[in-house]
Amino acid sequence: MFIIAILVSIIAGGLIVFTRIFNFKMADKMGLFQGASINYIAGLLFSIILALFLKSDLTPSFQGIPTWAYLGGLFGVGVIVLSSYLTKRVSSFYLTLLIFLGQLATGMVIDYFISGDVPLSKIIGGVLVVIGFSYNLVVDSKPDHESYSKAA
């Protein structure tokens, strides 16, 4: 079961990169907020069709849901708008890494507030990711002929 969770997580990560490209193309043609709106409308329609196909109950129940949980939609729009804006300005590789760094840092902060602790191993892992990112920035900032001549 753990292997399936890992595979599904990897697929979801890949879909996020494609989604970012699709959302950018839509935003490029119709505008950032219009593209985000169409994204959510299409997602809603697909969710309804999927729920009907899977014979799920479509009656929403708002009982027991904390008010702050509704911020997911607001944050989702923010992610779509910011990603669409940045996709044209930052390479897909670096944008994926930067978003991952943001997720990593946010995850550690949330873990700290929930459990009161962030294991040293997670901090070291995060630092290693930042070092790898920084290394890539340095290598990519050199002119092509320098990096190829050193490799040869």
N, C-alpha and C. Protein backbone atom coordinates (compact mmCIF):
# COMPACT_ATOMS: atom_id res chain seq x y z
N MET A 1 0.82 -1.20 0.00
CA MET A 1 0.00 0.00 0.00
C MET A 1 0.86 1.26 0.00
N PHE A 2 1.99 1.22 0.70
CA PHE A 2 2.90 2.37 0.75
C PHE A 2 3.49 2.66 -0.63
N ILE A 3 3.81 1.62 -1.38
CA ILE A 3 4.35 1.78 -2.73
C ILE A 3 3.31 2.45 -3.63
N ILE A 4 2.05 2.06 -3.50
CA ILE A 4 0.98 2.67 -4.30
C ILE A 4 0.87 4.16 -3.97
N ALA A 5 0.95 4.48 -2.68
CA ALA A 5 0.89 5.89 -2.26
C ALA A 5 2.04 6.68 -2.87
N ILE A 6 3.22 6.10 -2.91
CA ILE A 6 4.38 6.78 -3.50
C ILE A 6 4.15 6.99 -5.00
N LEU A 7 3.69 5.96 -5.70
CA LEU A 7 3.46 6.08 -7.14
C LEU A 7 2.38 7.12 -7.45
N VAL A 8 1.29 7.10 -6.69
CA VAL A 8 0.22 8.07 -6.91
C VAL A 8 0.72 9.49 -6.61
N SER A 9 1.56 9.65 -5.60
CA SER A 9 2.13 10.97 -5.29
C SER A 9 3.02 11.46 -6.43
N ILE A 10 3.79 10.58 -7.01
CA ILE A 10 4.65 10.96 -8.13
C ILE A 10 3.80 11.35 -9.34
N ILE A 11 2.75 10.60 -9.61
CA ILE A 11 1.84 10.94 -10.71
C ILE A 11 1.19 12.30 -10.45
N ALA A 12 0.74 12.53 -9.22
CA ALA A 12 0.12 13.81 -8.87
C ALA A 12 1.11 14.96 -9.07
N GLY A 13 2.36 14.75 -8.69
CA GLY A 13 3.39 15.78 -8.88
C GLY A 13 3.60 16.09 -10.35
N GLY A 14 3.61 15.06 -11.18
CA GLY A 14 3.74 15.28 -12.62
C GLY A 14 2.55 16.01 -13.20
N LEU A 15 1.36 15.65 -12.73
CA LEU A 15 0.14 16.32 -13.21
C LEU A 15 0.14 17.80 -12.84
N ILE A 16 0.71 18.13 -11.69
CA ILE A 16 0.79 19.54 -11.27
C ILE A 16 1.61 20.35 -12.27
N VAL A 17 2.71 19.77 -12.75
CA VAL A 17 3.55 20.48 -13.73
C VAL A 17 2.77 20.70 -15.02
N PHE A 18 2.08 19.66 -15.51
CA PHE A 18 1.27 19.82 -16.72
C PHE A 18 0.14 20.82 -16.51
N THR A 19 -0.49 20.76 -15.36
CA THR A 19 -1.58 21.69 -15.05
C THR A 19 -1.10 23.12 -15.09
N ARG A 20 0.09 23.35 -14.56
CA ARG A 20 0.67 24.69 -14.57
C ARG A 20 0.83 25.20 -16.00
N ILE A 21 1.28 24.33 -16.90
CA ILE A 21 1.46 24.72 -18.30
C ILE A 21 0.11 25.01 -18.95
N PHE A 22 -0.88 24.13 -18.71
CA PHE A 22 -2.22 24.35 -19.28
C PHE A 22 -2.82 25.65 -18.77
N ASN A 23 -2.70 25.89 -17.46
CA ASN A 23 -3.25 27.11 -16.87
C ASN A 23 -2.55 28.35 -17.42
N PHE A 24 -1.25 28.26 -17.65
CA PHE A 24 -0.51 29.39 -18.22
C PHE A 24 -1.03 29.71 -19.62
N LYS A 25 -1.22 28.68 -20.43
CA LYS A 25 -1.71 28.90 -21.80
C LYS A 25 -3.10 29.56 -21.78
N MET A 26 -3.95 29.10 -20.88
CA MET A 26 -5.28 29.68 -20.76
C MET A 26 -5.19 31.13 -20.29
N ALA A 27 -4.37 31.39 -19.29
CA ALA A 27 -4.21 32.75 -18.76
C ALA A 27 -3.58 33.67 -19.79
N ASP A 28 -2.67 33.12 -20.59
CA ASP A 28 -2.01 33.91 -21.62
C ASP A 28 -3.01 34.38 -22.68
N LYS A 29 -4.00 33.56 -22.96
CA LYS A 29 -5.00 33.89 -23.99
C LYS A 29 -6.15 34.74 -23.46
N MET A 30 -6.54 34.53 -22.19
CA MET A 30 -7.75 35.21 -21.70
C MET A 30 -7.54 36.06 -20.46
N GLY A 31 -6.38 36.00 -19.83
CA GLY A 31 -6.12 36.78 -18.62
C GLY A 31 -5.97 35.86 -17.41
N LEU A 32 -5.22 36.33 -16.41
CA LEU A 32 -4.93 35.51 -15.23
C LEU A 32 -6.19 35.07 -14.49
N PHE A 33 -7.04 36.02 -14.15
CA PHE A 33 -8.20 35.69 -13.32
C PHE A 33 -9.29 34.99 -14.11
N GLN A 34 -9.43 35.35 -15.38
CA GLN A 34 -10.40 34.65 -16.22
C GLN A 34 -9.97 33.19 -16.41
N GLY A 35 -8.68 32.98 -16.63
CA GLY A 35 -8.16 31.61 -16.77
C GLY A 35 -8.36 30.79 -15.51
N ALA A 36 -8.10 31.42 -14.34
CA ALA A 36 -8.31 30.72 -13.07
C ALA A 36 -9.79 30.39 -12.87
N SER A 37 -10.67 31.30 -13.27
CA SER A 37 -12.11 31.04 -13.15
C SER A 37 -12.54 29.87 -14.02
N ILE A 38 -12.07 29.86 -15.26
CA ILE A 38 -12.40 28.75 -16.17
C ILE A 38 -11.85 27.44 -15.61
N ASN A 39 -10.66 27.50 -15.03
CA ASN A 39 -10.05 26.31 -14.43
C ASN A 39 -10.96 25.74 -13.35
N TYR A 40 -11.46 26.61 -12.47
CA TYR A 40 -12.31 26.13 -11.38
C TYR A 40 -13.68 25.66 -11.88
N ILE A 41 -14.23 26.35 -12.89
CA ILE A 41 -15.51 25.92 -13.45
C ILE A 41 -15.37 24.54 -14.10
N ALA A 42 -14.29 24.36 -14.88
CA ALA A 42 -14.06 23.06 -15.52
C ALA A 42 -13.83 21.98 -14.45
N GLY A 43 -13.10 22.32 -13.39
CA GLY A 43 -12.88 21.37 -12.31
C GLY A 43 -14.17 20.98 -11.60
N LEU A 44 -15.04 21.97 -11.40
CA LEU A 44 -16.34 21.70 -10.78
C LEU A 44 -17.17 20.76 -11.65
N LEU A 45 -17.24 21.06 -12.95
CA LEU A 45 -18.02 20.20 -13.86
C LEU A 45 -17.46 18.78 -13.89
N PHE A 46 -16.14 18.65 -13.96
CA PHE A 46 -15.53 17.33 -13.97
C PHE A 46 -15.80 16.59 -12.66
N SER A 47 -15.74 17.31 -11.54
CA SER A 47 -16.01 16.69 -10.24
C SER A 47 -17.44 16.18 -10.16
N ILE A 48 -18.39 16.95 -10.68
CA ILE A 48 -19.80 16.53 -10.67
C ILE A 48 -19.98 15.28 -11.54
N ILE A 49 -19.40 15.29 -12.74
CA ILE A 49 -19.49 14.13 -13.63
C ILE A 49 -18.86 12.90 -12.98
N LEU A 50 -17.70 13.07 -12.37
CA LEU A 50 -17.02 11.96 -11.70
C LEU A 50 -17.85 11.44 -10.54
N ALA A 51 -18.43 12.35 -9.75
CA ALA A 51 -19.27 11.94 -8.62
C ALA A 51 -20.49 11.17 -9.10
N LEU A 52 -21.11 11.63 -10.20
CA LEU A 52 -22.26 10.91 -10.75
C LEU A 52 -21.86 9.53 -11.26
N PHE A 53 -20.72 9.46 -11.92
CA PHE A 53 -20.21 8.19 -12.44
C PHE A 53 -19.90 7.21 -11.31
N LEU A 54 -19.35 7.72 -10.23
CA LEU A 54 -19.00 6.87 -9.08
C LEU A 54 -20.17 6.70 -8.12
N LYS A 55 -21.32 7.27 -8.49
CA LYS A 55 -22.55 7.18 -7.69
C LYS A 55 -22.35 7.71 -6.27
N SER A 56 -21.67 8.85 -6.18
CA SER A 56 -21.46 9.51 -4.88
C SER A 56 -22.63 10.43 -4.59
N ASP A 57 -22.84 10.70 -3.32
CA ASP A 57 -23.88 11.63 -2.90
C ASP A 57 -23.41 13.05 -3.22
N LEU A 58 -24.17 13.79 -3.99
CA LEU A 58 -23.80 15.15 -4.37
C LEU A 58 -24.36 16.21 -3.43
N THR A 59 -25.07 15.79 -2.40
CA THR A 59 -25.64 16.75 -1.45
C THR A 59 -24.54 17.21 -0.50
N PRO A 60 -24.18 18.50 -0.56
CA PRO A 60 -23.11 18.97 0.32
C PRO A 60 -23.56 19.04 1.78
N SER A 61 -22.66 18.71 2.67
CA SER A 61 -22.93 18.83 4.09
C SER A 61 -21.86 19.74 4.69
N PHE A 62 -22.28 20.88 5.18
CA PHE A 62 -21.34 21.85 5.69
C PHE A 62 -21.15 21.73 7.21
N GLN A 63 -21.82 20.77 7.82
CA GLN A 63 -21.73 20.61 9.27
C GLN A 63 -20.35 20.08 9.66
N GLY A 64 -19.81 20.66 10.71
CA GLY A 64 -18.55 20.17 11.26
C GLY A 64 -17.31 20.63 10.50
N ILE A 65 -17.48 21.43 9.45
CA ILE A 65 -16.32 21.92 8.70
C ILE A 65 -15.91 23.26 9.29
N PRO A 66 -14.66 23.37 9.75
CA PRO A 66 -14.23 24.65 10.32
C PRO A 66 -14.18 25.73 9.24
N THR A 67 -14.44 26.95 9.62
CA THR A 67 -14.49 28.07 8.68
C THR A 67 -13.19 28.20 7.90
N TRP A 68 -12.05 28.00 8.57
CA TRP A 68 -10.76 28.18 7.90
C TRP A 68 -10.55 27.18 6.76
N ALA A 69 -11.27 26.06 6.78
CA ALA A 69 -11.09 25.05 5.74
C ALA A 69 -11.53 25.56 4.37
N TYR A 70 -12.39 26.56 4.35
CA TYR A 70 -12.85 27.12 3.07
C TYR A 70 -11.79 27.97 2.40
N LEU A 71 -10.70 28.25 3.10
CA LEU A 71 -9.60 29.00 2.50
C LEU A 71 -8.88 28.20 1.42
N GLY A 72 -9.12 26.89 1.36
CA GLY A 72 -8.48 26.06 0.33
C GLY A 72 -8.78 26.56 -1.07
N GLY A 73 -10.01 26.95 -1.32
CA GLY A 73 -10.38 27.48 -2.63
C GLY A 73 -9.67 28.80 -2.93
N LEU A 74 -9.61 29.66 -1.92
CA LEU A 74 -8.93 30.95 -2.07
C LEU A 74 -7.45 30.74 -2.35
N PHE A 75 -6.82 29.88 -1.57
CA PHE A 75 -5.40 29.59 -1.79
C PHE A 75 -5.18 28.92 -3.14
N GLY A 76 -6.12 28.06 -3.53
CA GLY A 76 -6.01 27.39 -4.84
C GLY A 76 -6.01 28.39 -5.98
N VAL A 77 -6.88 29.38 -5.91
CA VAL A 77 -6.90 30.44 -6.93
C VAL A 77 -5.56 31.18 -6.91
N GLY A 78 -5.05 31.45 -5.73
CA GLY A 78 -3.75 32.12 -5.61
C GLY A 78 -2.64 31.31 -6.26
N VAL A 79 -2.65 30.01 -6.04
CA VAL A 79 -1.64 29.14 -6.65
C VAL A 79 -1.75 29.17 -8.17
N ILE A 80 -2.96 29.07 -8.69
CA ILE A 80 -3.16 29.08 -10.14
C ILE A 80 -2.71 30.41 -10.74
N VAL A 81 -3.12 31.51 -10.14
CA VAL A 81 -2.77 32.83 -10.67
C VAL A 81 -1.26 33.05 -10.60
N LEU A 82 -0.65 32.76 -9.46
CA LEU A 82 0.80 32.98 -9.33
C LEU A 82 1.59 32.05 -10.24
N SER A 83 1.19 30.79 -10.32
CA SER A 83 1.89 29.84 -11.20
C SER A 83 1.76 30.26 -12.66
N SER A 84 0.57 30.69 -13.06
CA SER A 84 0.37 31.13 -14.44
C SER A 84 1.23 32.36 -14.75
N TYR A 85 1.33 33.24 -13.79
CA TYR A 85 2.16 34.44 -13.97
C TYR A 85 3.64 34.07 -14.08
N LEU A 86 4.10 33.15 -13.26
CA LEU A 86 5.53 32.81 -13.20
C LEU A 86 5.98 31.85 -14.30
N THR A 87 5.07 31.06 -14.85
CA THR A 87 5.45 30.05 -15.83
C THR A 87 6.18 30.65 -17.02
N LYS A 88 5.80 31.84 -17.42
CA LYS A 88 6.45 32.50 -18.56
C LYS A 88 7.82 33.05 -18.18
N ARG A 89 8.04 33.30 -16.89
CA ARG A 89 9.23 34.00 -16.44
C ARG A 89 10.32 33.11 -15.84
N VAL A 90 9.94 31.90 -15.44
CA VAL A 90 10.88 30.98 -14.79
C VAL A 90 10.76 29.63 -15.48
N SER A 91 11.89 28.96 -15.69
CA SER A 91 11.84 27.65 -16.35
C SER A 91 11.00 26.67 -15.52
N SER A 92 10.44 25.70 -16.20
CA SER A 92 9.58 24.72 -15.53
C SER A 92 10.34 24.00 -14.41
N PHE A 93 11.60 23.68 -14.66
CA PHE A 93 12.44 22.99 -13.67
C PHE A 93 12.59 23.86 -12.42
N TYR A 94 12.99 25.12 -12.59
CA TYR A 94 13.21 25.99 -11.44
C TYR A 94 11.90 26.35 -10.74
N LEU A 95 10.84 26.53 -11.50
CA LEU A 95 9.56 26.84 -10.87
C LEU A 95 9.10 25.67 -10.01
N THR A 96 9.27 24.46 -10.52
CA THR A 96 8.92 23.27 -9.74
C THR A 96 9.75 23.19 -8.47
N LEU A 97 11.05 23.45 -8.59
CA LEU A 97 11.92 23.43 -7.40
C LEU A 97 11.54 24.52 -6.40
N LEU A 98 11.28 25.72 -6.89
CA LEU A 98 10.93 26.82 -5.99
C LEU A 98 9.62 26.56 -5.27
N ILE A 99 8.64 26.04 -6.00
CA ILE A 99 7.36 25.69 -5.37
C ILE A 99 7.58 24.59 -4.34
N PHE A 100 8.42 23.61 -4.68
CA PHE A 100 8.73 22.53 -3.74
C PHE A 100 9.40 23.09 -2.48
N LEU A 101 10.32 24.03 -2.65
CA LEU A 101 10.97 24.64 -1.48
C LEU A 101 9.94 25.35 -0.60
N GLY A 102 9.00 26.03 -1.22
CA GLY A 102 7.93 26.68 -0.46
C GLY A 102 7.09 25.67 0.29
N GLN A 103 6.76 24.56 -0.38
CA GLN A 103 5.98 23.51 0.27
C GLN A 103 6.75 22.88 1.42
N LEU A 104 8.03 22.66 1.20
CA LEU A 104 8.88 22.05 2.22
C LEU A 104 8.95 22.94 3.47
N ALA A 105 9.22 24.22 3.26
CA ALA A 105 9.32 25.15 4.39
C ALA A 105 7.97 25.28 5.11
N THR A 106 6.89 25.39 4.36
CA THR A 106 5.57 25.51 4.96
C THR A 106 5.21 24.24 5.73
N GLY A 107 5.55 23.09 5.16
CA GLY A 107 5.29 21.82 5.84
C GLY A 107 6.02 21.73 7.18
N MET A 108 7.26 22.20 7.20
CA MET A 108 8.03 22.16 8.45
C MET A 108 7.43 23.12 9.48
N VAL A 109 6.99 24.29 9.04
CA VAL A 109 6.38 25.26 9.97
C VAL A 109 5.08 24.69 10.54
N ILE A 110 4.26 24.09 9.68
CA ILE A 110 3.00 23.50 10.15
C ILE A 110 3.28 22.34 11.10
N ASP A 111 4.23 21.48 10.76
CA ASP A 111 4.61 20.38 11.67
C ASP A 111 5.04 20.91 13.02
N TYR A 112 5.80 22.02 13.00
CA TYR A 112 6.26 22.60 14.26
C TYR A 112 5.08 23.06 15.11
N PHE A 113 4.11 23.74 14.49
CA PHE A 113 2.97 24.25 15.25
C PHE A 113 2.02 23.14 15.69
N ILE A 114 1.96 22.06 14.93
CA ILE A 114 1.08 20.95 15.31
C ILE A 114 1.72 20.08 16.38
N SER A 115 2.99 19.71 16.16
CA SER A 115 3.63 18.77 17.09
C SER A 115 4.62 19.44 18.04
N GLY A 116 4.95 20.70 17.77
CA GLY A 116 5.91 21.39 18.62
C GLY A 116 7.34 20.98 18.36
N ASP A 117 7.55 20.27 17.25
CA ASP A 117 8.89 19.74 16.97
C ASP A 117 9.06 19.53 15.47
N VAL A 118 10.26 19.79 14.99
CA VAL A 118 10.64 19.42 13.62
C VAL A 118 11.93 18.64 13.76
N PRO A 119 11.92 17.35 13.38
CA PRO A 119 13.13 16.53 13.53
C PRO A 119 14.31 17.11 12.75
N LEU A 120 15.48 16.96 13.32
CA LEU A 120 16.71 17.44 12.69
C LEU A 120 16.88 16.83 11.30
N SER A 121 16.46 15.59 11.13
CA SER A 121 16.60 14.94 9.82
C SER A 121 15.82 15.68 8.73
N LYS A 122 14.65 16.22 9.07
CA LYS A 122 13.88 16.98 8.09
C LYS A 122 14.56 18.31 7.78
N ILE A 123 15.12 18.93 8.78
CA ILE A 123 15.84 20.19 8.57
C ILE A 123 17.05 19.95 7.68
N ILE A 124 17.80 18.89 7.95
CA ILE A 124 18.98 18.55 7.13
C ILE A 124 18.55 18.25 5.70
N GLY A 125 17.47 17.50 5.53
CA GLY A 125 16.96 17.22 4.19
C GLY A 125 16.60 18.49 3.45
N GLY A 126 15.94 19.41 4.13
CA GLY A 126 15.59 20.70 3.52
C GLY A 126 16.81 21.50 3.12
N VAL A 127 17.82 21.51 3.98
CA VAL A 127 19.07 22.22 3.68
C VAL A 127 19.75 21.60 2.46
N LEU A 128 19.75 20.27 2.37
CA LEU A 128 20.35 19.60 1.22
C LEU A 128 19.62 19.97 -0.08
N VAL A 129 18.30 20.08 -0.02
CA VAL A 129 17.54 20.49 -1.20
C VAL A 129 17.93 21.92 -1.60
N VAL A 130 18.06 22.82 -0.63
CA VAL A 130 18.46 24.20 -0.91
C VAL A 130 19.87 24.23 -1.50
N ILE A 131 20.77 23.41 -0.98
CA ILE A 131 22.14 23.34 -1.52
C ILE A 131 22.11 22.85 -2.97
N GLY A 132 21.32 21.81 -3.25
CA GLY A 132 21.21 21.30 -4.61
C GLY A 132 20.63 22.35 -5.56
N PHE A 133 19.61 23.07 -5.10
CA PHE A 133 19.01 24.14 -5.90
C PHE A 133 20.04 25.22 -6.18
N SER A 134 20.78 25.63 -5.15
CA SER A 134 21.79 26.67 -5.31
C SER A 134 22.89 26.22 -6.27
N TYR A 135 23.30 24.97 -6.17
CA TYR A 135 24.31 24.43 -7.09
C TYR A 135 23.82 24.53 -8.53
N ASN A 136 22.57 24.14 -8.78
CA ASN A 136 22.01 24.22 -10.13
C ASN A 136 21.98 25.66 -10.63
N LEU A 137 21.65 26.61 -9.76
CA LEU A 137 21.64 28.01 -10.17
C LEU A 137 23.03 28.47 -10.60
N VAL A 138 24.06 28.07 -9.83
CA VAL A 138 25.43 28.46 -10.16
C VAL A 138 25.86 27.84 -11.48
N VAL A 139 25.60 26.55 -11.65
CA VAL A 139 25.99 25.85 -12.89
C VAL A 139 25.26 26.46 -14.08
N ASP A 140 23.98 26.73 -13.94
CA ASP A 140 23.20 27.26 -15.06
C ASP A 140 23.53 28.71 -15.37
N SER A 141 24.11 29.44 -14.42
CA SER A 141 24.43 30.84 -14.67
C SER A 141 25.72 31.00 -15.47
N LYS A 142 26.53 29.94 -15.56
CA LYS A 142 27.77 30.01 -16.33
C LYS A 142 27.45 29.91 -17.82
N PRO A 143 28.25 30.58 -18.64
CA PRO A 143 28.05 30.44 -20.10
C PRO A 143 28.18 28.97 -20.52
N ASP A 144 27.42 28.59 -21.53
CA ASP A 144 27.40 27.20 -21.98
C ASP A 144 28.77 26.64 -22.29
N HIS A 145 29.63 27.42 -22.93
CA HIS A 145 30.93 26.88 -23.32
C HIS A 145 31.79 26.53 -22.12
N GLU A 146 31.66 27.26 -21.03
CA GLU A 146 32.45 26.95 -19.84
C GLU A 146 32.00 25.63 -19.22
N SER A 147 30.71 25.42 -19.06
CA SER A 147 30.24 24.21 -18.41
C SER A 147 30.52 22.99 -19.27
N TYR A 148 30.45 23.12 -20.61
CA TYR A 148 30.74 21.99 -21.48
C TYR A 148 32.23 21.70 -21.53
N SER A 149 33.08 22.75 -21.51
CA SER A 149 34.50 22.50 -21.60
C SER A 149 35.04 21.84 -20.33
N LYS A 150 34.45 22.15 -19.19
CA LYS A 150 34.89 21.52 -17.94
C LYS A 150 34.44 20.06 -17.89
N ALA A 151 33.30 19.77 -18.50
CA ALA A 151 32.80 18.39 -18.50
C ALA A 151 33.61 17.52 -19.44
N ALA A 152 34.20 18.10 -20.47
CA ALA A 152 34.93 17.32 -21.47
C ALA A 152 36.31 16.95 -21.09
